[in-house]
Structures are given as C-alpha cells and as structure tokens.
Protein backbone atom coordinates (compact mmCIF):
# COMPACT_ATOMS: atom_id res chain seq x y z
CA MET A 1 -0.59 9.43 -15.68
CA GLU A 2 -3.89 8.23 -17.15
CA GLN A 3 -4.25 5.60 -14.38
CA ILE A 4 -4.01 8.12 -11.54
CA LYS A 5 -6.31 10.51 -13.43
CA ALA A 6 -8.95 7.75 -13.77
CA TYR A 7 -8.60 6.89 -10.08
CA LEU A 8 -8.93 10.51 -8.94
CA ASP A 9 -11.80 11.20 -11.38
CA GLN A 10 -13.77 8.58 -9.35
CA ILE A 11 -13.32 10.81 -6.26
CA ALA A 12 -13.93 14.29 -7.69
CA THR A 13 -13.86 16.46 -10.80
CA ILE A 14 -10.47 18.10 -11.18
CA SER A 15 -9.99 21.28 -13.18
CA ASN A 16 -7.27 21.31 -15.87
CA ILE A 17 -5.34 23.97 -13.92
CA ASP A 18 -5.41 21.83 -10.71
CA TRP A 19 -4.52 18.71 -12.68
CA ASP A 20 -1.56 20.39 -14.36
CA PHE A 21 -0.23 21.71 -11.08
CA PHE A 22 -0.66 18.30 -9.33
CA THR A 23 1.04 16.34 -12.17
CA SER A 24 3.94 18.81 -12.27
CA LYS A 25 4.77 17.55 -8.75
CA LEU A 26 4.74 13.84 -9.58
CA GLN A 27 7.87 11.85 -10.17
CA ARG A 28 7.80 8.42 -11.89
CA ARG A 29 10.05 5.84 -10.20
CA VAL A 30 10.73 2.20 -11.16
CA ILE A 31 11.53 0.00 -8.19
CA PRO A 32 13.36 -3.22 -9.04
CA LYS A 33 11.83 -6.56 -7.95
CA LYS A 34 12.57 -7.42 -4.29
CA SER A 35 13.99 -3.93 -3.56
CA ILE A 36 13.25 -2.23 -0.26
CA PHE A 37 12.41 1.36 -0.98
CA LEU A 38 11.66 2.49 2.56
CA ARG A 39 13.64 1.01 5.44
CA ILE A 40 12.73 0.87 9.11
CA ASN A 41 13.68 4.11 10.95
CA GLU A 42 13.67 6.18 7.73
CA ILE A 43 11.16 9.00 7.38
CA GLU A 44 8.62 8.43 4.63
CA ASN A 45 8.77 11.48 2.37
CA HIS A 46 6.49 10.18 -0.42
CA ILE A 47 3.01 9.06 -1.06
CA SER A 48 2.88 7.07 -4.28
CA PHE A 49 0.39 5.68 -6.74
CA ILE A 50 1.22 2.25 -8.13
CA GLU A 51 1.02 2.15 -11.91
CA SER A 52 2.15 -1.50 -12.00
CA GLY A 53 3.54 -3.97 -9.55
CA VAL A 54 2.99 -5.29 -6.02
CA VAL A 55 4.35 -3.76 -2.80
CA ARG A 56 4.60 -5.46 0.64
CA LEU A 57 4.47 -3.62 3.97
CA TYR A 58 6.27 -5.55 6.69
CA ILE A 59 8.14 -5.44 9.96
CA PRO A 60 11.61 -6.95 9.52
CA LYS A 61 13.10 -9.35 12.07
CA GLU A 62 16.63 -10.78 12.46
CA ASN A 63 15.25 -14.15 11.36
CA PRO A 64 13.57 -13.50 7.98
CA GLU A 65 11.10 -16.37 8.74
CA LYS A 66 9.73 -14.23 11.62
CA GLU A 67 9.04 -11.11 9.56
CA ILE A 68 5.48 -9.76 9.98
CA THR A 69 3.72 -8.90 6.71
CA PHE A 70 0.75 -6.75 7.39
CA GLY A 71 -0.18 -5.29 4.03
CA PHE A 72 0.01 -5.36 0.27
CA SER A 73 -0.70 -2.74 -2.36
CA PHE A 74 -1.30 -3.27 -6.04
CA LYS A 75 -1.76 -1.47 -9.33
CA ASP A 76 -4.14 1.53 -9.07
CA GLN A 77 -3.66 1.90 -5.33
CA PHE A 78 -1.74 4.39 -3.16
CA ILE A 79 1.23 3.19 -1.12
CA SER A 80 3.08 4.89 1.71
CA ALA A 81 4.24 4.35 5.26
CA TYR A 82 1.38 6.76 5.82
CA ASP A 83 1.80 7.24 9.54
CA SER A 84 5.50 8.18 9.04
CA PHE A 85 4.50 10.38 6.08
CA LEU A 86 1.85 12.26 8.10
CA THR A 87 4.03 12.80 11.18
CA GLN A 88 7.40 13.01 9.39
CA THR A 89 8.82 10.65 11.96
CA ALA A 90 10.74 7.38 11.56
CA SER A 91 8.87 4.48 10.01
CA ALA A 92 8.32 1.36 12.13
CA TYR A 93 8.18 -0.86 9.03
CA GLN A 94 9.51 -1.29 5.52
CA LEU A 95 8.16 -1.15 1.96
CA GLN A 96 9.31 -3.73 -0.53
CA ALA A 97 8.57 -4.18 -4.22
CA LEU A 98 7.67 -7.85 -4.68
CA THR A 99 7.67 -7.41 -8.48
CA GLU A 100 9.21 -4.67 -10.59
CA THR A 101 6.98 -1.76 -9.58
CA THR A 102 6.35 1.56 -11.28
CA ILE A 103 5.05 4.33 -9.04
CA LEU A 104 4.16 8.02 -9.32
CA SER A 105 5.36 9.77 -6.17
CA ILE A 106 4.76 13.15 -4.60
CA THR A 107 6.88 14.44 -1.73
CA TYR A 108 5.46 15.65 1.51
CA ASP A 109 6.37 19.29 0.80
CA ASP A 110 4.94 19.11 -2.78
CA LEU A 111 1.70 17.64 -1.45
CA GLN A 112 1.38 20.41 1.07
CA SER A 113 1.84 22.83 -1.86
CA VAL A 114 -0.92 21.04 -3.77
CA TYR A 115 -3.23 21.34 -0.72
CA LYS A 116 -2.55 25.13 -0.51
CA THR A 117 -2.64 25.88 -4.19
CA THR A 118 -5.48 23.83 -5.67
CA GLN A 119 -9.16 23.78 -5.00
CA ILE A 120 -9.37 20.04 -5.07
CA GLY A 121 -6.18 19.05 -3.17
CA ASN A 122 -7.67 18.87 0.34
CA LEU A 123 -10.67 16.82 -0.84
CA ILE A 124 -8.43 14.31 -2.64
CA GLY A 125 -6.14 14.08 0.37
CA ARG A 126 -8.99 13.53 2.82
CA LEU A 127 -10.77 10.93 0.67
CA THR A 128 -7.53 9.05 0.00
CA ALA A 129 -6.77 9.02 3.72
CA GLU A 130 -10.31 7.79 4.40
CA ARG A 131 -9.89 4.92 1.94
CA LEU A 132 -6.55 3.91 3.52
CA PHE A 133 -8.14 3.99 6.98
CA LEU A 134 -11.04 1.79 5.88
CA ILE A 135 -8.64 -0.80 4.41
CA LYS A 136 -6.63 -0.86 7.68
CA SER A 137 -9.77 -1.05 9.82
CA LYS A 138 -11.24 -3.91 7.79
CA ARG A 139 -7.97 -5.92 8.18
CA GLU A 140 -7.93 -5.36 11.93
CA GLN A 141 -11.59 -6.48 12.25
CA ASN A 142 -10.84 -9.60 10.18
CA LEU A 143 -7.92 -10.47 12.48
CA LEU A 144 -10.08 -10.08 15.55
CA ASN A 145 -13.29 -11.71 14.30
CA LEU A 146 -12.34 -14.47 11.78
CA SER A 147 -10.48 -17.72 12.17
CA ALA A 148 -7.29 -18.25 10.21
CA GLU A 149 -9.19 -20.43 7.69
CA GLU A 150 -11.92 -17.81 7.31
CA ARG A 151 -9.28 -15.09 6.76
CA TYR A 152 -7.62 -17.24 4.03
CA LEU A 153 -10.96 -17.95 2.31
CA LYS A 154 -11.95 -14.32 2.46
CA LEU A 155 -8.58 -13.30 1.04
CA PHE A 156 -8.86 -15.91 -1.68
CA LYS A 157 -12.34 -14.68 -2.60
CA GLU A 158 -11.67 -10.89 -2.44
CA ARG A 159 -8.05 -10.77 -3.67
CA PRO A 160 -7.22 -13.83 -5.85
CA GLU A 161 -4.39 -11.92 -7.41
CA LEU A 162 -2.59 -12.06 -4.09
CA LEU A 163 -2.34 -15.81 -4.27
CA GLN A 164 -0.93 -15.69 -7.80
CA VAL A 165 1.89 -13.28 -7.30
CA ILE A 166 2.84 -13.33 -3.58
CA PRO A 167 4.90 -16.10 -1.92
CA LEU A 168 2.91 -18.19 0.56
CA LYS A 169 5.23 -17.28 3.41
CA TYR A 170 4.09 -13.65 3.09
CA ILE A 171 0.45 -14.63 2.81
CA SER A 172 0.73 -16.77 5.94
CA SER A 173 2.22 -13.88 7.87
CA TYR A 174 -0.48 -11.54 6.49
CA ILE A 175 -3.34 -13.77 7.76
CA GLY A 176 -1.53 -14.32 11.06
CA VAL A 177 -0.48 -17.97 10.86
CA THR A 178 2.69 -19.94 10.38
CA ALA A 179 3.60 -21.27 6.94
CA GLN A 180 2.89 -24.81 8.24
CA ALA A 181 -0.56 -23.85 9.47
CA LEU A 182 -1.35 -22.25 6.08
CA SER A 183 -0.22 -25.41 4.41
CA ARG A 184 -2.66 -27.46 6.55
CA ILE A 185 -5.49 -24.97 5.79
CA ARG A 186 -4.81 -25.27 2.03
CA LYS A 187 -4.80 -29.09 2.18
CA ARG A 188 -8.17 -29.08 4.01
CA LEU A 189 -9.68 -26.85 1.38
C-alpha cells in the first residue's frame, strides 16, 4: 500500500479519511508468470496498480508469432484495458503478466463509489487518465515519426529495464518490426 500512496501523493494531498475509504476498496492479487488475466472480448472490471512485475498489452493472433504487442506496464504504474474499463464493453486486447506480478485492484463500481464519496477521487481519476493518455499519445507519435532503429534506441535509452526482462519477440512487435529486423538493428548498433 505504501507504493500506491507514494505515487498518489505526487499527484495530490489525500486526507486520512479519503485514503482509508480508497484503500478499503483495493484488493491485492498475485498473477502468476505468463498468465493472461484479461482475455479478448472480456469486459475489464479493474484498474490496477502494479506493486511488482511486468505486464504486456497485446492483440492475440492464431499464429503466436503474429501477435501485436503495443504496451508494457511496470512497477509503480497503473494497468488496465482502460478503454474497456471506461465503457464497460468487451476488450479488443489481452493483459498478460510476463513475470509474477502483484497488483492492487479496484473494481469499476468501487471506483465510482470513491469518486462520489471522497474529495480527492475525481482529481486522482482525471490525472491518472491524463497520464495514461500521454503515454499512449507519445507511443503513437514515435511510431509515426521515428524509424524502427530510432524507436529501438529511444526505447533502450528511456526504458532499459524493458530490454532486461522482456523477450525480444515482444520488443520487436512493440516497436513495429519483425524479430529478424530487430536482430539486424541490434547487430548494426
């Protein structure tokens, strides 16, 4: 609970009453390594804070080599199929724990209760949504404006932990190239 408190304290000051109400709604879950904890066409009912571990967001394909990885989340970050969570409609992608992952989750209904009951709930919700949007927007701009080699170098510079814990096949998909193309990029560098 201290990790999520430290994260939220960066955003706003939370009263003890609001904090106690919020934490009463959180559920700790441990997701085993390689487990899919949200499948395509399921409705996302949680937004979660990662205490430890790595999560991959991806679109599954019949041929696993063709899967499209479009995001990763790490310790001290929020994770959700956020579009499905907001609209309470079926998810178009899956969430998979790449390592054993511990998360603190709040359900959609409980989060609505936090918004209605606490003074700080709406601010935290809005600022968290804004941060998720900025991450998504930055990724889209990188895909549109940078070459594959530039995307790899930027990823290596900004997120070196990715390259230490995530298989290269997922990284190649994330930067939008084949595994063979990524291998050639790595050899050139």
